[in-house]
Amino acid sequence: LKKVSKFCHEQGMNLVLENMFPQLQFGNISDILCLADGVGSAVGGICLDTGHANLSGEIYSSIQNLGSRLKIIHANDNDGVLDDHLPPGKGSIDWDKVLFQLKEAGFSGTFILELSGDRENDPKDVLREAGEARHLLEEISRKI
């Protein structure tokens, strides 16, 4: 990772690490923080995949634990069992709580909807659901 980070830096980019599935190595927030500490300042930050964090049961503790290292959110939802990449609001994640925690943490990074666009999903439906998710997240943000 140090070599990859050096190459990224030479290209004018930062290396950002994403939390993975909980059953995989570096699948928990503590693991990804340990990895980032091992690589050192070469890591530009952490990407929190909300679906992965929900599967590991760390969705609500992860934002506080990542602190200022949190640079990117891959926002997606699931039922806590499968990595479905559902739109926010269609699974079991409490988005009011997540967005409140992001505000409290002073998060100002990139927020990306990462939705399922596999062959079974019509692109029009994915775009419609993305629009609905954006509207939901904007409404919650206004309340906060």
N, C-alpha and C. Protein backbone atom coordinates (compact mmCIF):
# COMPACT_ATOMS: atom_id res chain seq x y z
N LEU A 1 0.81 -1.20 0.00
CA LEU A 1 0.00 0.00 0.00
C LEU A 1 0.85 1.26 0.00
N LYS A 2 2.02 1.17 0.63
CA LYS A 2 2.90 2.34 0.61
C LYS A 2 3.34 2.64 -0.83
N LYS A 3 3.62 1.59 -1.62
CA LYS A 3 4.00 1.78 -3.01
C LYS A 3 2.84 2.36 -3.82
N VAL A 4 1.65 1.82 -3.58
CA VAL A 4 0.47 2.32 -4.28
C VAL A 4 0.23 3.77 -3.92
N SER A 5 0.35 4.09 -2.63
CA SER A 5 0.14 5.46 -2.19
C SER A 5 1.17 6.41 -2.80
N LYS A 6 2.42 5.96 -2.88
CA LYS A 6 3.46 6.79 -3.49
C LYS A 6 3.12 7.06 -4.96
N PHE A 7 2.69 6.02 -5.66
CA PHE A 7 2.30 6.19 -7.06
C PHE A 7 1.13 7.16 -7.18
N CYS A 8 0.13 7.01 -6.30
CA CYS A 8 -1.02 7.93 -6.32
C CYS A 8 -0.56 9.36 -6.11
N HIS A 9 0.31 9.56 -5.14
CA HIS A 9 0.81 10.90 -4.84
C HIS A 9 1.52 11.50 -6.06
N GLU A 10 2.31 10.66 -6.75
CA GLU A 10 3.02 11.13 -7.95
C GLU A 10 2.04 11.53 -9.05
N GLN A 11 0.85 10.95 -9.04
CA GLN A 11 -0.17 11.25 -10.04
C GLN A 11 -1.11 12.37 -9.58
N GLY A 12 -0.85 12.91 -8.38
CA GLY A 12 -1.69 13.98 -7.85
C GLY A 12 -2.98 13.48 -7.21
N MET A 13 -2.97 12.22 -6.75
CA MET A 13 -4.15 11.62 -6.13
C MET A 13 -3.81 11.19 -4.71
N ASN A 14 -4.86 10.92 -3.92
CA ASN A 14 -4.69 10.37 -2.58
C ASN A 14 -5.23 8.95 -2.53
N LEU A 15 -4.58 8.10 -1.76
CA LEU A 15 -5.07 6.75 -1.52
C LEU A 15 -6.08 6.80 -0.39
N VAL A 16 -7.27 6.27 -0.63
CA VAL A 16 -8.32 6.21 0.37
C VAL A 16 -8.72 4.74 0.50
N LEU A 17 -8.78 4.24 1.74
CA LEU A 17 -9.11 2.85 2.01
C LEU A 17 -10.58 2.71 2.37
N GLU A 18 -11.23 1.67 1.86
CA GLU A 18 -12.65 1.42 2.12
C GLU A 18 -12.81 0.23 3.05
N ASN A 19 -13.77 0.36 4.00
CA ASN A 19 -14.11 -0.79 4.83
C ASN A 19 -14.76 -1.86 3.95
N MET A 20 -14.42 -3.10 4.22
CA MET A 20 -14.90 -4.21 3.40
C MET A 20 -15.99 -5.00 4.13
N PHE A 21 -16.38 -6.14 3.57
CA PHE A 21 -17.34 -7.01 4.22
C PHE A 21 -16.77 -7.47 5.56
N PRO A 22 -17.60 -7.64 6.57
CA PRO A 22 -17.09 -7.98 7.90
C PRO A 22 -16.38 -9.33 7.97
N GLN A 23 -16.71 -10.25 7.08
CA GLN A 23 -16.07 -11.57 7.11
C GLN A 23 -14.69 -11.58 6.45
N LEU A 24 -14.32 -10.49 5.79
CA LEU A 24 -13.03 -10.39 5.13
C LEU A 24 -12.01 -9.70 6.01
N GLN A 25 -10.75 -9.92 5.71
CA GLN A 25 -9.69 -9.19 6.40
C GLN A 25 -9.90 -7.70 6.16
N PHE A 26 -9.72 -6.91 7.20
CA PHE A 26 -9.93 -5.46 7.17
C PHE A 26 -11.40 -5.12 6.93
N GLY A 27 -12.28 -6.00 7.38
CA GLY A 27 -13.71 -5.79 7.22
C GLY A 27 -14.34 -4.99 8.34
N ASN A 28 -13.61 -4.77 9.42
CA ASN A 28 -14.14 -3.98 10.53
C ASN A 28 -13.41 -2.65 10.60
N ILE A 29 -14.05 -1.67 11.18
CA ILE A 29 -13.47 -0.33 11.25
C ILE A 29 -12.14 -0.35 12.00
N SER A 30 -12.06 -1.11 13.08
CA SER A 30 -10.79 -1.18 13.83
C SER A 30 -9.68 -1.75 12.96
N ASP A 31 -10.02 -2.70 12.09
CA ASP A 31 -9.03 -3.29 11.18
C ASP A 31 -8.54 -2.26 10.17
N ILE A 32 -9.47 -1.51 9.60
CA ILE A 32 -9.08 -0.55 8.57
C ILE A 32 -8.26 0.58 9.18
N LEU A 33 -8.57 0.96 10.42
CA LEU A 33 -7.78 1.98 11.11
C LEU A 33 -6.38 1.46 11.41
N CYS A 34 -6.28 0.19 11.80
CA CYS A 34 -4.97 -0.42 12.05
C CYS A 34 -4.15 -0.45 10.77
N LEU A 35 -4.78 -0.81 9.67
CA LEU A 35 -4.09 -0.83 8.38
C LEU A 35 -3.63 0.57 8.00
N ALA A 36 -4.50 1.55 8.15
CA ALA A 36 -4.14 2.93 7.82
C ALA A 36 -2.98 3.41 8.70
N ASP A 37 -3.00 3.05 9.97
CA ASP A 37 -1.90 3.43 10.87
C ASP A 37 -0.59 2.78 10.43
N GLY A 38 -0.68 1.54 9.97
CA GLY A 38 0.51 0.83 9.52
C GLY A 38 1.13 1.44 8.28
N VAL A 39 0.30 1.95 7.40
CA VAL A 39 0.79 2.59 6.17
C VAL A 39 1.25 4.01 6.49
N GLY A 40 0.61 4.62 7.47
CA GLY A 40 1.02 5.95 7.91
C GLY A 40 0.42 7.06 7.09
N SER A 41 1.13 8.15 7.01
CA SER A 41 0.61 9.36 6.36
C SER A 41 0.39 9.18 4.87
N ALA A 42 0.83 8.04 4.33
CA ALA A 42 0.63 7.78 2.91
C ALA A 42 -0.85 7.59 2.57
N VAL A 43 -1.65 7.21 3.57
CA VAL A 43 -3.09 7.03 3.35
C VAL A 43 -3.78 8.38 3.50
N GLY A 44 -4.53 8.76 2.48
CA GLY A 44 -5.20 10.05 2.48
C GLY A 44 -6.50 10.07 3.24
N GLY A 45 -7.00 8.92 3.64
CA GLY A 45 -8.24 8.88 4.41
C GLY A 45 -8.95 7.56 4.25
N ILE A 46 -10.17 7.53 4.77
CA ILE A 46 -11.00 6.33 4.78
C ILE A 46 -12.30 6.61 4.04
N CYS A 47 -12.75 5.62 3.28
CA CYS A 47 -14.05 5.64 2.64
C CYS A 47 -14.96 4.71 3.44
N LEU A 48 -16.06 5.25 3.95
CA LEU A 48 -17.02 4.44 4.69
C LEU A 48 -18.11 3.97 3.75
N ASP A 49 -18.17 2.67 3.54
CA ASP A 49 -19.28 2.07 2.80
C ASP A 49 -20.34 1.75 3.84
N THR A 50 -21.45 2.49 3.78
CA THR A 50 -22.47 2.35 4.81
C THR A 50 -23.09 0.95 4.83
N GLY A 51 -23.23 0.35 3.67
CA GLY A 51 -23.77 -1.01 3.60
C GLY A 51 -22.87 -2.01 4.28
N HIS A 52 -21.56 -1.92 4.03
CA HIS A 52 -20.60 -2.82 4.67
C HIS A 52 -20.61 -2.61 6.18
N ALA A 53 -20.65 -1.34 6.60
CA ALA A 53 -20.67 -1.03 8.04
C ALA A 53 -21.95 -1.56 8.69
N ASN A 54 -23.06 -1.52 7.97
CA ASN A 54 -24.30 -2.07 8.51
C ASN A 54 -24.20 -3.58 8.67
N LEU A 55 -23.58 -4.24 7.71
CA LEU A 55 -23.41 -5.70 7.80
C LEU A 55 -22.53 -6.09 8.98
N SER A 56 -21.57 -5.26 9.32
CA SER A 56 -20.67 -5.57 10.43
C SER A 56 -21.24 -5.11 11.77
N GLY A 57 -22.38 -4.41 11.73
CA GLY A 57 -22.98 -3.90 12.96
C GLY A 57 -22.29 -2.66 13.49
N GLU A 58 -21.49 -2.00 12.64
CA GLU A 58 -20.71 -0.84 13.07
C GLU A 58 -21.18 0.48 12.45
N ILE A 59 -22.34 0.48 11.84
CA ILE A 59 -22.76 1.67 11.12
C ILE A 59 -22.83 2.90 12.02
N TYR A 60 -23.28 2.76 13.23
CA TYR A 60 -23.47 3.93 14.09
C TYR A 60 -22.23 4.29 14.90
N SER A 61 -21.32 3.37 15.08
CA SER A 61 -20.08 3.68 15.80
C SER A 61 -18.95 4.10 14.87
N SER A 62 -19.07 3.77 13.60
CA SER A 62 -17.96 3.97 12.67
C SER A 62 -17.64 5.44 12.41
N ILE A 63 -18.64 6.28 12.31
CA ILE A 63 -18.39 7.69 11.98
C ILE A 63 -17.56 8.34 13.08
N GLN A 64 -17.95 8.12 14.32
CA GLN A 64 -17.20 8.68 15.44
C GLN A 64 -15.79 8.09 15.50
N ASN A 65 -15.67 6.79 15.27
CA ASN A 65 -14.36 6.14 15.33
C ASN A 65 -13.42 6.58 14.21
N LEU A 66 -13.96 6.92 13.06
CA LEU A 66 -13.12 7.35 11.94
C LEU A 66 -12.71 8.81 12.06
N GLY A 67 -13.56 9.62 12.66
CA GLY A 67 -13.23 11.02 12.89
C GLY A 67 -12.81 11.75 11.63
N SER A 68 -11.73 12.50 11.75
CA SER A 68 -11.26 13.34 10.64
C SER A 68 -10.68 12.53 9.49
N ARG A 69 -10.47 11.24 9.69
CA ARG A 69 -9.96 10.40 8.59
C ARG A 69 -11.03 10.10 7.56
N LEU A 70 -12.29 10.28 7.92
CA LEU A 70 -13.40 9.99 7.02
C LEU A 70 -13.44 11.02 5.91
N LYS A 71 -13.22 10.57 4.67
CA LYS A 71 -13.15 11.46 3.51
C LYS A 71 -14.26 11.23 2.49
N ILE A 72 -14.75 9.99 2.41
CA ILE A 72 -15.74 9.63 1.39
C ILE A 72 -16.79 8.72 2.02
N ILE A 73 -18.04 8.93 1.63
CA ILE A 73 -19.13 8.04 2.01
C ILE A 73 -19.64 7.36 0.75
N HIS A 74 -19.66 6.03 0.76
CA HIS A 74 -20.38 5.27 -0.26
C HIS A 74 -21.71 4.92 0.38
N ALA A 75 -22.73 5.70 0.08
CA ALA A 75 -24.04 5.56 0.72
C ALA A 75 -24.89 4.53 0.00
N ASN A 76 -25.22 3.49 0.73
CA ASN A 76 -26.15 2.48 0.26
C ASN A 76 -26.75 1.81 1.47
N ASP A 77 -27.84 1.12 1.28
CA ASP A 77 -28.59 0.52 2.38
C ASP A 77 -28.71 -0.99 2.15
N ASN A 78 -29.05 -1.70 3.19
CA ASN A 78 -29.32 -3.13 3.10
C ASN A 78 -30.13 -3.54 4.31
N ASP A 79 -30.47 -4.82 4.36
CA ASP A 79 -31.28 -5.33 5.46
C ASP A 79 -30.43 -5.86 6.62
N GLY A 80 -29.12 -5.65 6.54
CA GLY A 80 -28.22 -6.14 7.58
C GLY A 80 -27.75 -7.56 7.35
N VAL A 81 -28.20 -8.18 6.24
CA VAL A 81 -27.83 -9.56 5.95
C VAL A 81 -27.03 -9.67 4.64
N LEU A 82 -27.51 -9.01 3.59
CA LEU A 82 -26.86 -9.06 2.28
C LEU A 82 -26.41 -7.66 1.85
N ASP A 83 -25.35 -7.60 1.07
CA ASP A 83 -24.84 -6.33 0.55
C ASP A 83 -25.62 -5.96 -0.69
N ASP A 84 -26.85 -5.51 -0.49
CA ASP A 84 -27.80 -5.29 -1.58
C ASP A 84 -27.59 -4.01 -2.37
N HIS A 85 -26.87 -3.04 -1.81
CA HIS A 85 -26.70 -1.73 -2.44
C HIS A 85 -28.04 -1.10 -2.77
N LEU A 86 -28.94 -1.16 -1.78
CA LEU A 86 -30.25 -0.53 -1.91
C LEU A 86 -30.10 0.98 -1.74
N PRO A 87 -31.05 1.75 -2.26
CA PRO A 87 -31.02 3.18 -2.02
C PRO A 87 -31.24 3.48 -0.53
N PRO A 88 -30.62 4.52 -0.01
CA PRO A 88 -30.89 4.91 1.37
C PRO A 88 -32.40 5.04 1.59
N GLY A 89 -32.85 4.47 2.71
CA GLY A 89 -34.27 4.48 3.04
C GLY A 89 -34.99 3.20 2.68
N LYS A 90 -34.34 2.32 1.93
CA LYS A 90 -34.98 1.07 1.50
C LYS A 90 -34.50 -0.14 2.32
N GLY A 91 -33.64 0.09 3.30
CA GLY A 91 -33.12 -1.00 4.13
C GLY A 91 -33.30 -0.66 5.60
N SER A 92 -32.39 -1.15 6.42
CA SER A 92 -32.53 -1.02 7.87
C SER A 92 -31.69 0.09 8.50
N ILE A 93 -30.93 0.84 7.70
CA ILE A 93 -30.10 1.91 8.26
C ILE A 93 -30.96 3.11 8.64
N ASP A 94 -30.71 3.66 9.82
CA ASP A 94 -31.39 4.87 10.29
C ASP A 94 -30.62 6.07 9.74
N TRP A 95 -31.07 6.61 8.62
CA TRP A 95 -30.36 7.69 7.94
C TRP A 95 -30.42 9.00 8.71
N ASP A 96 -31.46 9.21 9.50
CA ASP A 96 -31.50 10.40 10.36
C ASP A 96 -30.29 10.37 11.30
N LYS A 97 -30.05 9.22 11.88
CA LYS A 97 -28.94 9.07 12.82
C LYS A 97 -27.59 9.21 12.12
N VAL A 98 -27.46 8.59 10.96
CA VAL A 98 -26.19 8.65 10.21
C VAL A 98 -25.88 10.09 9.82
N LEU A 99 -26.84 10.79 9.26
CA LEU A 99 -26.60 12.17 8.83
C LEU A 99 -26.35 13.09 10.02
N PHE A 100 -27.03 12.85 11.12
CA PHE A 100 -26.76 13.64 12.33
C PHE A 100 -25.32 13.42 12.79
N GLN A 101 -24.87 12.17 12.79
CA GLN A 101 -23.50 11.86 13.21
C GLN A 101 -22.49 12.50 12.27
N LEU A 102 -22.77 12.49 10.97
CA LEU A 102 -21.86 13.13 10.02
C LEU A 102 -21.77 14.63 10.28
N LYS A 103 -22.91 15.24 10.57
CA LYS A 103 -22.90 16.68 10.88
C LYS A 103 -22.10 16.94 12.15
N GLU A 104 -22.35 16.15 13.18
CA GLU A 104 -21.64 16.31 14.45
C GLU A 104 -20.13 16.12 14.29
N ALA A 105 -19.74 15.24 13.37
CA ALA A 105 -18.32 14.96 13.13
C ALA A 105 -17.67 16.02 12.24
N GLY A 106 -18.49 16.93 11.68
CA GLY A 106 -17.96 17.95 10.79
C GLY A 106 -17.56 17.40 9.43
N PHE A 107 -18.19 16.32 9.00
CA PHE A 107 -17.86 15.71 7.71
C PHE A 107 -18.14 16.68 6.58
N SER A 108 -17.15 16.87 5.72
CA SER A 108 -17.32 17.74 4.55
C SER A 108 -16.74 17.09 3.30
N GLY A 109 -16.65 15.77 3.32
CA GLY A 109 -16.06 15.05 2.20
C GLY A 109 -17.07 14.73 1.12
N THR A 110 -16.75 13.76 0.33
CA THR A 110 -17.57 13.33 -0.81
C THR A 110 -18.61 12.32 -0.36
N PHE A 111 -19.83 12.50 -0.82
CA PHE A 111 -20.96 11.63 -0.47
C PHE A 111 -21.50 11.07 -1.78
N ILE A 112 -21.33 9.76 -1.98
CA ILE A 112 -21.69 9.12 -3.24
C ILE A 112 -22.78 8.08 -3.00
N LEU A 113 -23.84 8.12 -3.79
CA LEU A 113 -24.82 7.03 -3.76
C LEU A 113 -24.22 5.87 -4.54
N GLU A 114 -24.10 4.73 -3.89
CA GLU A 114 -23.52 3.55 -4.54
C GLU A 114 -24.62 2.48 -4.59
N LEU A 115 -25.37 2.50 -5.68
CA LEU A 115 -26.55 1.65 -5.80
C LEU A 115 -26.31 0.50 -6.76
N SER A 116 -27.13 -0.52 -6.63
CA SER A 116 -27.01 -1.70 -7.48
C SER A 116 -27.50 -1.39 -8.88
N GLY A 117 -26.64 -1.63 -9.84
CA GLY A 117 -27.01 -1.42 -11.23
C GLY A 117 -26.76 -2.69 -12.03
N ASP A 118 -27.04 -3.84 -11.41
CA ASP A 118 -26.77 -5.10 -12.11
C ASP A 118 -27.76 -5.30 -13.26
N ARG A 119 -27.58 -6.35 -13.99
CA ARG A 119 -28.38 -6.61 -15.19
C ARG A 119 -29.87 -6.76 -14.90
N GLU A 120 -30.21 -7.15 -13.68
CA GLU A 120 -31.62 -7.36 -13.34
C GLU A 120 -32.35 -6.05 -13.09
N ASN A 121 -31.63 -4.98 -12.84
CA ASN A 121 -32.25 -3.69 -12.55
C ASN A 121 -32.27 -2.82 -13.80
N ASP A 122 -33.44 -2.33 -14.14
CA ASP A 122 -33.57 -1.41 -15.25
C ASP A 122 -32.90 -0.10 -14.87
N PRO A 123 -32.02 0.44 -15.72
CA PRO A 123 -31.33 1.69 -15.39
C PRO A 123 -32.29 2.83 -15.03
N LYS A 124 -33.46 2.86 -15.66
CA LYS A 124 -34.44 3.90 -15.34
C LYS A 124 -34.91 3.77 -13.90
N ASP A 125 -35.09 2.53 -13.43
CA ASP A 125 -35.51 2.31 -12.05
C ASP A 125 -34.41 2.71 -11.07
N VAL A 126 -33.17 2.40 -11.42
CA VAL A 126 -32.03 2.77 -10.55
C VAL A 126 -31.94 4.29 -10.45
N LEU A 127 -32.09 4.99 -11.57
CA LEU A 127 -32.04 6.45 -11.55
C LEU A 127 -33.21 7.05 -10.77
N ARG A 128 -34.40 6.47 -10.92
CA ARG A 128 -35.56 6.94 -10.16
C ARG A 128 -35.32 6.76 -8.67
N GLU A 129 -34.83 5.58 -8.28
CA GLU A 129 -34.55 5.31 -6.87
C GLU A 129 -33.44 6.21 -6.34
N ALA A 130 -32.44 6.50 -7.18
CA ALA A 130 -31.37 7.41 -6.76
C ALA A 130 -31.95 8.80 -6.48
N GLY A 131 -32.86 9.25 -7.33
CA GLY A 131 -33.51 10.54 -7.11
C GLY A 131 -34.32 10.56 -5.83
N GLU A 132 -35.04 9.47 -5.57
CA GLU A 132 -35.82 9.37 -4.32
C GLU A 132 -34.90 9.37 -3.11
N ALA A 133 -33.78 8.66 -3.19
CA ALA A 133 -32.82 8.61 -2.08
C ALA A 133 -32.22 10.00 -1.85
N ARG A 134 -31.88 10.67 -2.92
CA ARG A 134 -31.33 12.03 -2.79
C ARG A 134 -32.33 12.94 -2.10
N HIS A 135 -33.59 12.85 -2.50
CA HIS A 135 -34.63 13.67 -1.89
C HIS A 135 -34.75 13.35 -0.39
N LEU A 136 -34.76 12.08 -0.05
CA LEU A 136 -34.83 11.66 1.37
C LEU A 136 -33.67 12.24 2.16
N LEU A 137 -32.45 12.10 1.64
CA LEU A 137 -31.26 12.58 2.34
C LEU A 137 -31.28 14.11 2.46
N GLU A 138 -31.74 14.79 1.43
CA GLU A 138 -31.84 16.25 1.51
C GLU A 138 -32.86 16.68 2.56
N GLU A 139 -33.99 15.99 2.63
CA GLU A 139 -35.01 16.30 3.63
C GLU A 139 -34.47 16.10 5.05
N ILE A 140 -33.77 15.01 5.26
CA ILE A 140 -33.18 14.74 6.57
C ILE A 140 -32.15 15.82 6.90
N SER A 141 -31.33 16.17 5.94
CA SER A 141 -30.30 17.19 6.15
C SER A 141 -30.92 18.53 6.53
N ARG A 142 -32.02 18.88 5.91
CA ARG A 142 -32.70 20.14 6.24
C ARG A 142 -33.22 20.12 7.68
N LYS A 143 -33.73 18.98 8.14
CA LYS A 143 -34.23 18.86 9.50
C LYS A 143 -33.11 19.02 10.53
N ILE A 144 -31.94 18.52 10.17
CA ILE A 144 -30.79 18.54 11.10
C ILE A 144 -30.25 19.96 11.16
